[in-house]
Amino acid sequence: MATTYISIESYEEAQALLLEIKPHLHEFEAESELKYYYYYLTGNYHEWHKFYALAEENYLKAYEICLQKAKNFPNSHELEIYQLLTDFYKKTNAIDKSEKFAHKSDSLQKVLQDLEQNENIRLLRQKIGKVEAEKEIQDQKFNNLKLLSILVIVVFLATLLLLYYQFKLNKIRQITNEELTHANEALLVAKEKAEEATLLKTQFVSTISHELRTPLYGVIGITDIIETEHKELENSPHLKALKFSANYLLALVNDVLKVHKFEENRVVLDNNLFDIEEKLYTIKDSLMVIAKKTPQ
């Protein structure tokens, strides 16, 4: 409040507050800035009243506090008191003292500028460090995003490739199924034709066999009748050859029918007795007749 009153040139109101503060200064030995402002403002008040000796005394006390450089005491106060004393001594025609404090002011101002510049550089470096750290984070995020994008593209391409392979496989399966269907249809047609041909063959063989056996039975029957009615021909080799040939041909026809039964799994073996010696002699006699007729 005293500072505010001084700034609006209400010096008496400021002095009243300063007089209230003065008895309590000893209670704030560690408050260097508080004492600095007290002497600084008291000096302003005396300078306004042109009590230059009192003003100088208070200004120098403020200056001494600055020289003590207490902890956390702002350097700006020291520059402030240097500039104030420079103007004060110049005003009171103490040119040597004015130049002395002007020199101190310039030196301190340069130091403060250097400090400020160093602080600005430090802050700038901190900012640069933060920016670089953020840049590294952003680069890492970008790299992660890039890697994720690559993975997504790879998965997408792999999915497309799998879908294309599945499509081709389904196409091949469809073509194969169609070919198998056509092959099965062709096999069914071939099977039907084969069964039809087999049936026709069976019917033909059966018919021919039956048609052949009918005249053969007639030949065999007539041979038996001739043998019975003409006893003199009983040992005739010609009659025996005729009878053998007829029976042999009948056996062949019966064998053809048996082949047909083999295909239908209807074969039944006959258990018959026969004279093998007689059969051999009959075969010999039949072949003898044929041999005699064959030119040498």
C-alpha atoms as a PDB file:
ATOM      1  CA  MET A   1       0.000   0.000   0.000  1.00  0.00           C
ATOM      2  CA  ALA A   2       2.883   2.378   0.794  1.00  0.00           C
ATOM      3  CA  THR A   3       4.362   1.616  -2.644  1.00  0.00           C
ATOM      4  CA  THR A   4       1.029   2.436  -4.235  1.00  0.00           C
ATOM      5  CA  TYR A   5       0.754   5.729  -2.367  1.00  0.00           C
ATOM      6  CA  ILE A   6       4.285   6.686  -3.454  1.00  0.00           C
ATOM      7  CA  SER A   7       3.462   5.871  -7.080  1.00  0.00           C
ATOM      8  CA  ILE A   8       0.498   8.269  -6.992  1.00  0.00           C
ATOM      9  CA  GLU A   9       2.577  10.849  -5.055  1.00  0.00           C
ATOM     10  CA  SER A  10       0.494  10.484  -1.887  1.00  0.00           C
ATOM     11  CA  TYR A  11       3.611  10.661   0.235  1.00  0.00           C
ATOM     12  CA  GLU A  12       1.989  11.527   3.550  1.00  0.00           C
ATOM     13  CA  GLU A  13      -0.300   8.499   3.422  1.00  0.00           C
ATOM     14  CA  ALA A  14       2.713   6.368   2.515  1.00  0.00           C
ATOM     15  CA  GLN A  15       4.728   7.828   5.416  1.00  0.00           C
ATOM     16  CA  ALA A  16       1.920   7.078   7.867  1.00  0.00           C
ATOM     17  CA  LEU A  17       2.030   3.410   6.865  1.00  0.00           C
ATOM     18  CA  LEU A  18       5.832   3.338   7.020  1.00  0.00           C
ATOM     19  CA  LEU A  19       5.781   4.763  10.556  1.00  0.00           C
ATOM     20  CA  GLU A  20       3.440   1.920  11.550  1.00  0.00           C
ATOM     21  CA  ILE A  21       5.832  -0.609  10.076  1.00  0.00           C
ATOM     22  CA  LYS A  22       9.079   0.793  11.616  1.00  0.00           C
ATOM     23  CA  PRO A  23       8.560  -0.568  15.217  1.00  0.00           C
ATOM     24  CA  HIS A  24       8.100  -4.080  13.852  1.00  0.00           C
ATOM     25  CA  LEU A  25      11.127  -4.271  11.549  1.00  0.00           C
ATOM     26  CA  HIS A  26      13.173  -6.144  14.157  1.00  0.00           C
ATOM     27  CA  GLU A  27      10.553  -8.873  14.134  1.00  0.00           C
ATOM     28  CA  PHE A  28      11.417  -9.664  10.487  1.00  0.00           C
ATOM     29  CA  GLU A  29      15.205  -9.952  10.532  1.00  0.00           C
ATOM     30  CA  ALA A  30      15.141 -12.613   7.802  1.00  0.00           C
ATOM     31  CA  GLU A  31      12.800 -10.624   5.557  1.00  0.00           C
ATOM     32  CA  SER A  32      15.463  -8.703   3.592  1.00  0.00           C
ATOM     33  CA  GLU A  33      13.069  -7.626   0.865  1.00  0.00           C
ATOM     34  CA  LEU A  34      10.637  -6.158   3.425  1.00  0.00           C
ATOM     35  CA  LYS A  35      13.394  -4.032   4.999  1.00  0.00           C
ATOM     36  CA  TYR A  36      14.673  -3.085   1.547  1.00  0.00           C
ATOM     37  CA  TYR A  37      11.275  -1.678   0.564  1.00  0.00           C
ATOM     38  CA  TYR A  38      10.948   0.146   3.896  1.00  0.00           C
ATOM     39  CA  TYR A  39      14.217   2.073   3.455  1.00  0.00           C
ATOM     40  CA  TYR A  40      13.633   2.559  -0.258  1.00  0.00           C
ATOM     41  CA  LEU A  41      10.167   4.094   0.260  1.00  0.00           C
ATOM     42  CA  THR A  42      11.319   6.126   3.303  1.00  0.00           C
ATOM     43  CA  GLY A  43      14.094   7.562   1.139  1.00  0.00           C
ATOM     44  CA  ASN A  44      11.466   8.461  -1.513  1.00  0.00           C
ATOM     45  CA  TYR A  45       9.457  10.302   1.142  1.00  0.00           C
ATOM     46  CA  HIS A  46      12.483  12.320   2.420  1.00  0.00           C
ATOM     47  CA  GLU A  47      13.632  13.060  -1.137  1.00  0.00           C
ATOM     48  CA  TRP A  48      10.153  14.456  -1.877  1.00  0.00           C
ATOM     49  CA  HIS A  49      10.538  16.742   1.185  1.00  0.00           C
ATOM     50  CA  LYS A  50      14.076  17.559   0.002  1.00  0.00           C
ATOM     51  CA  PHE A  51      15.565  16.100   3.176  1.00  0.00           C
ATOM     52  CA  TYR A  52      18.422  14.823   1.052  1.00  0.00           C
ATOM     53  CA  ALA A  53      20.625  13.707   3.949  1.00  0.00           C
ATOM     54  CA  LEU A  54      17.840  11.489   5.362  1.00  0.00           C
ATOM     55  CA  ALA A  55      16.957  10.313   1.865  1.00  0.00           C
ATOM     56  CA  GLU A  56      20.618   9.377   1.198  1.00  0.00           C
ATOM     57  CA  GLU A  57      20.816   7.566   4.547  1.00  0.00           C
ATOM     58  CA  ASN A  58      17.770   5.420   3.803  1.00  0.00           C
ATOM     59  CA  TYR A  59      18.851   4.778   0.203  1.00  0.00           C
ATOM     60  CA  LEU A  60      22.280   3.610   1.397  1.00  0.00           C
ATOM     61  CA  LYS A  61      20.652   1.287   3.956  1.00  0.00           C
ATOM     62  CA  ALA A  62      18.610  -0.207   1.125  1.00  0.00           C
ATOM     63  CA  TYR A  63      21.844  -0.441  -0.866  1.00  0.00           C
ATOM     64  CA  GLU A  64      23.571  -2.278   2.044  1.00  0.00           C
ATOM     65  CA  ILE A  65      20.745  -4.816   2.145  1.00  0.00           C
ATOM     66  CA  CYS A  66      21.306  -5.439  -1.573  1.00  0.00           C
ATOM     67  CA  LEU A  67      25.037  -5.953  -0.990  1.00  0.00           C
ATOM     68  CA  GLN A  68      24.292  -8.630   1.614  1.00  0.00           C
ATOM     69  CA  LYS A  69      22.764 -10.693  -1.239  1.00  0.00           C
ATOM     70  CA  ALA A  70      20.448 -12.651   0.993  1.00  0.00           C
ATOM     71  CA  LYS A  71      19.051 -15.917  -0.258  1.00  0.00           C
ATOM     72  CA  ASN A  72      16.198 -15.519  -2.779  1.00  0.00           C
ATOM     73  CA  PHE A  73      16.759 -11.739  -2.869  1.00  0.00           C
ATOM     74  CA  PRO A  74      15.989 -10.487  -6.398  1.00  0.00           C
ATOM     75  CA  ASN A  75      18.904  -8.987  -8.343  1.00  0.00           C
ATOM     76  CA  SER A  76      16.455  -6.508  -9.850  1.00  0.00           C
ATOM     77  CA  HIS A  77      16.370  -4.612  -6.513  1.00  0.00           C
ATOM     78  CA  GLU A  78      20.119  -4.056  -6.655  1.00  0.00           C
ATOM     79  CA  LEU A  79      19.845  -2.642 -10.183  1.00  0.00           C
ATOM     80  CA  GLU A  80      16.897  -0.555  -9.034  1.00  0.00           C
ATOM     81  CA  ILE A  81      18.814   1.027  -6.138  1.00  0.00           C
ATOM     82  CA  TYR A  82      21.844   1.677  -8.404  1.00  0.00           C
ATOM     83  CA  GLN A  83      19.691   3.560 -10.871  1.00  0.00           C
ATOM     84  CA  LEU A  84      17.906   5.448  -8.066  1.00  0.00           C
ATOM     85  CA  LEU A  85      21.227   6.532  -6.447  1.00  0.00           C
ATOM     86  CA  THR A  86      22.588   7.506  -9.877  1.00  0.00           C
ATOM     87  CA  ASP A  87      19.631   9.866 -10.409  1.00  0.00           C
ATOM     88  CA  PHE A  88      19.657  11.000  -6.751  1.00  0.00           C
ATOM     89  CA  TYR A  89      23.335  12.008  -6.749  1.00  0.00           C
ATOM     90  CA  LYS A  90      22.963  13.614 -10.125  1.00  0.00           C
ATOM     91  CA  LYS A  91      20.030  15.595  -8.741  1.00  0.00           C
ATOM     92  CA  THR A  92      22.082  16.660  -5.697  1.00  0.00           C
ATOM     93  CA  ASN A  93      25.104  17.511  -7.897  1.00  0.00           C
ATOM     94  CA  ALA A  94      27.256  14.698  -6.450  1.00  0.00           C
ATOM     95  CA  ILE A  95      28.562  13.841  -9.924  1.00  0.00           C
ATOM     96  CA  ASP A  96      31.338  11.454  -8.817  1.00  0.00           C
ATOM     97  CA  LYS A  97      28.918   9.360  -6.784  1.00  0.00           C
ATOM     98  CA  SER A  98      26.397   9.517  -9.598  1.00  0.00           C
ATOM     99  CA  GLU A  99      28.961   8.219 -12.111  1.00  0.00           C
ATOM    100  CA  LYS A 100      30.066   5.544  -9.636  1.00  0.00           C
ATOM    101  CA  PHE A 101      26.560   4.147  -9.291  1.00  0.00           C
ATOM    102  CA  ALA A 102      25.912   4.641 -12.984  1.00  0.00           C
ATOM    103  CA  HIS A 103      28.947   2.459 -13.661  1.00  0.00           C
ATOM    104  CA  LYS A 104      27.669  -0.108 -11.117  1.00  0.00           C
ATOM    105  CA  SER A 105      24.273   0.065 -12.757  1.00  0.00           C
ATOM    106  CA  ASP A 106      25.719  -0.519 -16.225  1.00  0.00           C
ATOM    107  CA  SER A 107      27.898  -3.397 -15.011  1.00  0.00           C
ATOM    108  CA  LEU A 108      25.056  -5.040 -13.118  1.00  0.00           C
ATOM    109  CA  GLN A 109      22.696  -4.487 -16.002  1.00  0.00           C
ATOM    110  CA  LYS A 110      25.158  -6.231 -18.314  1.00  0.00           C
ATOM    111  CA  VAL A 111      25.528  -9.068 -15.806  1.00  0.00           C
ATOM    112  CA  LEU A 112      21.778  -9.365 -15.478  1.00  0.00           C
ATOM    113  CA  GLN A 113      21.425  -9.299 -19.231  1.00  0.00           C
ATOM    114  CA  ASP A 114      23.996 -12.070 -19.477  1.00  0.00           C
ATOM    115  CA  LEU A 115      22.200 -13.969 -16.753  1.00  0.00           C
ATOM    116  CA  GLU A 116      18.914 -13.379 -18.484  1.00  0.00           C
ATOM    117  CA  GLN A 117      20.431 -14.456 -21.776  1.00  0.00           C
ATOM    118  CA  ASN A 118      21.910 -17.551 -20.125  1.00  0.00           C
ATOM    119  CA  GLU A 119      18.577 -18.241 -18.498  1.00  0.00           C
ATOM    120  CA  ASN A 120      16.864 -17.771 -21.830  1.00  0.00           C
ATOM    121  CA  ILE A 121      19.424 -20.105 -23.400  1.00  0.00           C
ATOM    122  CA  ARG A 122      18.820 -22.627 -20.613  1.00  0.00           C
ATOM    123  CA  LEU A 123      15.080 -22.343 -21.039  1.00  0.00           C
ATOM    124  CA  LEU A 124      15.528 -22.567 -24.794  1.00  0.00           C
ATOM    125  CA  ARG A 125      17.647 -25.688 -24.363  1.00  0.00           C
ATOM    126  CA  GLN A 126      15.009 -27.122 -22.080  1.00  0.00           C
ATOM    127  CA  LYS A 127      12.395 -26.345 -24.682  1.00  0.00           C
ATOM    128  CA  ILE A 128      14.603 -27.839 -27.391  1.00  0.00           C
ATOM    129  CA  GLY A 129      15.129 -30.900 -25.201  1.00  0.00           C
ATOM    130  CA  LYS A 130      11.387 -31.192 -24.671  1.00  0.00           C
ATOM    131  CA  VAL A 131      10.779 -30.700 -28.373  1.00  0.00           C
ATOM    132  CA  GLU A 132      13.376 -33.344 -29.206  1.00  0.00           C
ATOM    133  CA  ALA A 133      11.885 -35.695 -26.628  1.00  0.00           C
ATOM    134  CA  GLU A 134       8.415 -35.071 -28.047  1.00  0.00           C
ATOM    135  CA  LYS A 135       9.865 -35.531 -31.531  1.00  0.00           C
ATOM    136  CA  GLU A 136      11.359 -38.861 -30.480  1.00  0.00           C
ATOM    137  CA  ILE A 137       8.005 -39.868 -29.014  1.00  0.00           C
ATOM    138  CA  GLN A 138       6.243 -38.756 -32.193  1.00  0.00           C
ATOM    139  CA  ASP A 139       8.847 -40.586 -34.302  1.00  0.00           C
ATOM    140  CA  GLN A 140       8.329 -43.697 -32.207  1.00  0.00           C
ATOM    141  CA  LYS A 141       4.571 -43.359 -32.589  1.00  0.00           C
ATOM    142  CA  PHE A 142       5.023 -42.793 -36.318  1.00  0.00           C
ATOM    143  CA  ASN A 143       7.281 -45.851 -36.576  1.00  0.00           C
ATOM    144  CA  ASN A 144       4.776 -47.890 -34.599  1.00  0.00           C
ATOM    145  CA  LEU A 145       1.982 -46.609 -36.813  1.00  0.00           C
ATOM    146  CA  LYS A 146       4.076 -47.345 -39.892  1.00  0.00           C
ATOM    147  CA  LEU A 147       4.792 -50.869 -38.631  1.00  0.00           C
ATOM    148  CA  LEU A 148       1.118 -51.344 -37.816  1.00  0.00           C
ATOM    149  CA  SER A 149       0.186 -50.126 -41.286  1.00  0.00           C
ATOM    150  CA  ILE A 150       2.665 -52.546 -42.851  1.00  0.00           C
ATOM    151  CA  LEU A 151       1.264 -55.390 -40.759  1.00  0.00           C
ATOM    152  CA  VAL A 152      -2.298 -54.436 -41.744  1.00  0.00           C
ATOM    153  CA  ILE A 153      -1.279 -54.334 -45.420  1.00  0.00           C
ATOM    154  CA  VAL A 154       0.513 -57.700 -45.123  1.00  0.00           C
ATOM    155  CA  VAL A 155      -2.496 -59.254 -43.383  1.00  0.00           C
ATOM    156  CA  PHE A 156      -4.790 -57.711 -46.008  1.00  0.00           C
ATOM    157  CA  LEU A 157      -2.650 -59.047 -48.873  1.00  0.00           C
ATOM    158  CA  ALA A 158      -2.391 -62.446 -47.187  1.00  0.00           C
ATOM    159  CA  THR A 159      -6.178 -62.485 -46.774  1.00  0.00           C
ATOM    160  CA  LEU A 160      -6.637 -61.544 -50.430  1.00  0.00           C
ATOM    161  CA  LEU A 161      -4.163 -64.252 -51.452  1.00  0.00           C
ATOM    162  CA  LEU A 162      -5.950 -66.789 -49.274  1.00  0.00           C
ATOM    163  CA  LEU A 163      -9.310 -65.773 -50.701  1.00  0.00           C
ATOM    164  CA  TYR A 164      -7.919 -65.986 -54.238  1.00  0.00           C
ATOM    165  CA  TYR A 165      -6.421 -69.414 -53.490  1.00  0.00           C
ATOM    166  CA  GLN A 166      -9.741 -70.538 -51.976  1.00  0.00           C
ATOM    167  CA  PHE A 167     -11.570 -69.211 -55.027  1.00  0.00           C
ATOM    168  CA  LYS A 168      -9.217 -71.061 -57.400  1.00  0.00           C
ATOM    169  CA  LEU A 169      -9.496 -74.202 -55.274  1.00  0.00           C
ATOM    170  CA  ASN A 170     -13.283 -74.001 -55.336  1.00  0.00           C
ATOM    171  CA  LYS A 171     -13.148 -73.461 -59.092  1.00  0.00           C
ATOM    172  CA  ILE A 172     -10.902 -76.507 -59.503  1.00  0.00           C
ATOM    173  CA  ARG A 173     -13.198 -78.521 -57.236  1.00  0.00           C
ATOM    174  CA  GLN A 174     -16.208 -77.415 -59.237  1.00  0.00           C
ATOM    175  CA  ILE A 175     -14.514 -78.392 -62.516  1.00  0.00           C
ATOM    176  CA  THR A 176     -13.379 -81.712 -60.997  1.00  0.00           C
ATOM    177  CA  ASN A 177     -16.876 -82.404 -59.679  1.00  0.00           C
ATOM    178  CA  GLU A 178     -18.332 -81.645 -63.090  1.00  0.00           C
ATOM    179  CA  GLU A 179     -15.777 -83.956 -64.731  1.00  0.00           C
ATOM    180  CA  LEU A 180     -16.521 -86.674 -62.175  1.00  0.00           C
ATOM    181  CA  THR A 181     -20.243 -86.210 -62.763  1.00  0.00           C
ATOM    182  CA  HIS A 182     -19.760 -86.539 -66.509  1.00  0.00           C
ATOM    183  CA  ALA A 183     -17.442 -89.543 -65.974  1.00  0.00           C
ATOM    184  CA  ASN A 184     -20.011 -91.191 -63.686  1.00  0.00           C
ATOM    185  CA  GLU A 185     -22.720 -90.544 -66.234  1.00  0.00           C
ATOM    186  CA  ALA A 186     -20.512 -92.026 -68.961  1.00  0.00           C
ATOM    187  CA  LEU A 187     -19.744 -95.021 -66.747  1.00  0.00           C
ATOM    188  CA  LEU A 188     -23.434 -95.533 -66.062  1.00  0.00           C
ATOM    189  CA  VAL A 189     -24.144 -95.384 -69.784  1.00  0.00           C
ATOM    190  CA  ALA A 190     -21.261 -97.777 -70.474  1.00  0.00           C
ATOM    191  CA  LYS A 191     -22.462-100.041 -67.677  1.00  0.00           C
ATOM    192  CA  GLU A 192     -25.971-100.050 -69.089  1.00  0.00           C
ATOM    193  CA  LYS A 193     -24.612-100.779 -72.551  1.00  0.00           C
ATOM    194  CA  ALA A 194     -22.350-103.530 -71.189  1.00  0.00           C
ATOM    195  CA  GLU A 195     -25.226-105.068 -69.255  1.00  0.00           C
ATOM    196  CA  GLU A 196     -27.396-104.814 -72.356  1.00  0.00           C
ATOM    197  CA  ALA A 197     -24.637-106.411 -74.497  1.00  0.00           C
ATOM    198  CA  THR A 198     -24.122-109.124 -71.882  1.00  0.00           C
ATOM    199  CA  LEU A 199     -27.828-109.777 -71.776  1.00  0.00           C
ATOM    200  CA  LEU A 200     -27.995-109.955 -75.579  1.00  0.00           C
ATOM    201  CA  LYS A 201     -24.952-112.232 -75.650  1.00  0.00           C
ATOM    202  CA  THR A 202     -26.480-114.461 -73.001  1.00  0.00           C
ATOM    203  CA  GLN A 203     -29.751-114.584 -74.840  1.00  0.00           C
ATOM    204  CA  PHE A 204     -27.954-115.316 -78.133  1.00  0.00           C
ATOM    205  CA  VAL A 205     -25.787-118.068 -76.625  1.00  0.00           C
ATOM    206  CA  SER A 206     -28.772-119.567 -74.844  1.00  0.00           C
ATOM    207  CA  THR A 207     -30.871-119.473 -77.982  1.00  0.00           C
ATOM    208  CA  ILE A 208     -28.119-120.880 -80.233  1.00  0.00           C
ATOM    209  CA  SER A 209     -27.285-123.577 -77.688  1.00  0.00           C
ATOM    210  CA  HIS A 210     -30.888-124.692 -77.463  1.00  0.00           C
ATOM    211  CA  GLU A 211     -31.242-124.560 -81.249  1.00  0.00           C
ATOM    212  CA  LEU A 212     -28.096-126.663 -81.677  1.00  0.00           C
ATOM    213  CA  ARG A 213     -29.058-129.231 -79.083  1.00  0.00           C
ATOM    214  CA  THR A 214     -32.382-130.000 -80.767  1.00  0.00           C
ATOM    215  CA  PRO A 215     -30.877-131.427 -84.026  1.00  0.00           C
ATOM    216  CA  LEU A 216     -28.053-133.040 -82.071  1.00  0.00           C
ATOM    217  CA  TYR A 217     -30.500-134.937 -79.928  1.00  0.00           C
ATOM    218  CA  GLY A 218     -32.106-136.060 -83.199  1.00  0.00           C
ATOM    219  CA  VAL A 219     -28.749-137.293 -84.593  1.00  0.00           C
ATOM    220  CA  ILE A 220     -27.918-139.120 -81.356  1.00  0.00           C
ATOM    221  CA  GLY A 221     -31.416-140.654 -81.230  1.00  0.00           C
ATOM    222  CA  ILE A 222     -31.234-141.878 -84.840  1.00  0.00           C
ATOM    223  CA  THR A 223     -27.754-143.299 -84.149  1.00  0.00           C
ATOM    224  CA  ASP A 224     -29.143-145.250 -81.189  1.00  0.00           C
ATOM    225  CA  ILE A 225     -32.098-146.497 -83.303  1.00  0.00           C
ATOM    226  CA  ILE A 226     -29.742-147.646 -86.080  1.00  0.00           C
ATOM    227  CA  GLU A 227     -27.548-149.402 -83.517  1.00  0.00           C
ATOM    228  CA  THR A 228     -30.583-151.107 -81.974  1.00  0.00           C
ATOM    229  CA  GLU A 229     -32.335-152.172 -85.218  1.00  0.00           C
ATOM    230  CA  HIS A 230     -29.187-153.230 -87.051  1.00  0.00           C
ATOM    231  CA  LYS A 231     -27.177-155.356 -84.687  1.00  0.00           C
ATOM    232  CA  GLU A 232     -24.681-156.086 -87.446  1.00  0.00           C
ATOM    233  CA  LEU A 233     -23.595-152.438 -87.337  1.00  0.00           C
ATOM    234  CA  GLU A 234     -22.994-152.477 -83.588  1.00  0.00           C
ATOM    235  CA  ASN A 235     -19.217-152.688 -84.070  1.00  0.00           C
ATOM    236  CA  SER A 236     -19.138-150.480 -87.134  1.00  0.00           C
ATOM    237  CA  PRO A 237     -16.403-147.841 -86.703  1.00  0.00           C
ATOM    238  CA  HIS A 238     -18.365-145.413 -88.816  1.00  0.00           C
ATOM    239  CA  LEU A 239     -21.400-145.659 -86.591  1.00  0.00           C
ATOM    240  CA  LYS A 240     -19.228-145.321 -83.515  1.00  0.00           C
ATOM    241  CA  ALA A 241     -17.482-142.280 -85.016  1.00  0.00           C
ATOM    242  CA  LEU A 242     -20.865-140.735 -85.833  1.00  0.00           C
ATOM    243  CA  LYS A 243     -22.143-141.408 -82.339  1.00  0.00           C
ATOM    244  CA  PHE A 244     -18.949-140.034 -80.754  1.00  0.00           C
ATOM    245  CA  SER A 245     -18.987-136.886 -82.865  1.00  0.00           C
ATOM    246  CA  ALA A 246     -22.647-136.241 -82.052  1.00  0.00           C
ATOM    247  CA  ASN A 247     -22.021-136.718 -78.312  1.00  0.00           C
ATOM    248  CA  TYR A 248     -18.856-134.615 -78.462  1.00  0.00           C
ATOM    249  CA  LEU A 249     -20.716-131.787 -80.200  1.00  0.00           C
ATOM    250  CA  LEU A 250     -23.512-132.049 -77.638  1.00  0.00           C
ATOM    251  CA  ALA A 251     -20.904-131.818 -74.854  1.00  0.00           C
ATOM    252  CA  LEU A 252     -19.473-128.662 -76.430  1.00  0.00           C
ATOM    253  CA  VAL A 253     -22.926-127.130 -76.590  1.00  0.00           C
ATOM    254  CA  ASN A 254     -23.520-128.069 -72.959  1.00  0.00           C
ATOM    255  CA  ASP A 255     -20.142-126.515 -72.053  1.00  0.00           C
ATOM    256  CA  VAL A 256     -21.226-123.260 -73.733  1.00  0.00           C
ATOM    257  CA  LEU A 257     -24.334-123.288 -71.581  1.00  0.00           C
ATOM    258  CA  LYS A 258     -22.195-123.967 -68.526  1.00  0.00           C
ATOM    259  CA  VAL A 259     -20.090-120.894 -69.359  1.00  0.00           C
ATOM    260  CA  HIS A 260     -23.290-118.894 -69.284  1.00  0.00           C
ATOM    261  CA  LYS A 261     -24.066-120.429 -65.903  1.00  0.00           C
ATOM    262  CA  PHE A 262     -20.565-119.514 -64.701  1.00  0.00           C
ATOM    263  CA  GLU A 263     -21.337-115.834 -65.393  1.00  0.00           C
ATOM    264  CA  GLU A 264     -24.578-116.116 -63.424  1.00  0.00           C
ATOM    265  CA  ASN A 265     -22.991-118.148 -60.616  1.00  0.00           C
ATOM    266  CA  ARG A 266     -25.430-121.014 -61.211  1.00  0.00           C
ATOM    267  CA  VAL A 267     -22.944-123.860 -61.826  1.00  0.00           C
ATOM    268  CA  VAL A 268     -23.883-127.284 -60.437  1.00  0.00           C
ATOM    269  CA  LEU A 269     -21.435-130.211 -60.881  1.00  0.00           C
ATOM    270  CA  ASP A 270     -22.812-133.540 -62.144  1.00  0.00           C
ATOM    271  CA  ASN A 271     -21.545-136.754 -60.558  1.00  0.00           C
ATOM    272  CA  ASN A 272     -21.711-139.297 -63.478  1.00  0.00           C
ATOM    273  CA  LEU A 273     -19.987-142.653 -64.043  1.00  0.00           C
ATOM    274  CA  PHE A 274     -18.307-143.400 -67.372  1.00  0.00           C
ATOM    275  CA  ASP A 275     -15.893-145.950 -68.859  1.00  0.00           C
ATOM    276  CA  ILE A 276     -12.739-144.077 -69.674  1.00  0.00           C
ATOM    277  CA  GLU A 277     -11.318-147.031 -71.693  1.00  0.00           C
ATOM    278  CA  GLU A 278     -14.387-147.080 -73.891  1.00  0.00           C
ATOM    279  CA  LYS A 279     -14.170-143.298 -74.336  1.00  0.00           C
ATOM    280  CA  LEU A 280     -10.549-143.556 -75.410  1.00  0.00           C
ATOM    281  CA  TYR A 281     -11.253-146.322 -77.911  1.00  0.00           C
ATOM    282  CA  THR A 282     -14.169-144.335 -79.334  1.00  0.00           C
ATOM    283  CA  ILE A 283     -11.956-141.277 -79.755  1.00  0.00           C
ATOM    284  CA  LYS A 284      -9.291-143.424 -81.407  1.00  0.00           C
ATOM    285  CA  ASP A 285     -11.742-145.008 -83.817  1.00  0.00           C
ATOM    286  CA  SER A 286     -13.252-141.633 -84.732  1.00  0.00           C
ATOM    287  CA  LEU A 287      -9.908-140.118 -85.390  1.00  0.00           C
ATOM    288  CA  MET A 288      -8.846-143.212 -87.348  1.00  0.00           C
ATOM    289  CA  VAL A 289     -11.714-142.702 -89.790  1.00  0.00           C
ATOM    290  CA  ILE A 290     -10.737-139.075 -90.223  1.00  0.00           C
ATOM    291  CA  ALA A 291      -7.074-140.041 -90.622  1.00  0.00           C
ATOM    292  CA  LYS A 292      -7.840-142.530 -93.370  1.00  0.00           C
ATOM    293  CA  LYS A 293      -9.821-139.910 -95.313  1.00  0.00           C
ATOM    294  CA  THR A 294      -7.047-137.370 -95.018  1.00  0.00           C
ATOM    295  CA  PRO A 295      -4.698-137.476 -98.038  1.00  0.00           C
ATOM    296  CA  GLN A 296      -1.090-138.501 -97.234  1.00  0.00           C
END
